[in-house]
């Protein structure tokens, strides 16, 4: 199931489109594998390990781009 949600941010006064997808896996192992592959792909794309990126993001060193927000979301799924 996919829902598209439009959000208006007060600070930027611009419309930001956010896509939310629900993905199901056959097992916890498949789900963990998908998470780890996603983290690896972001690490390769931006040339930084996920733990360093996450610390930097929390310290405000990275902007709220679509990729970075998605990356943080993936990291948060394994921290919760």
Foldseek 3Di string as FASTA:
>chain_A
DKDKDWDQDPVVRDIDIDIDDDDDDPDPVVVVVVLVVLQVVVCVVVVHHLVVLLVCVVVVVDDPDPSSVVSNVSVVVVVD
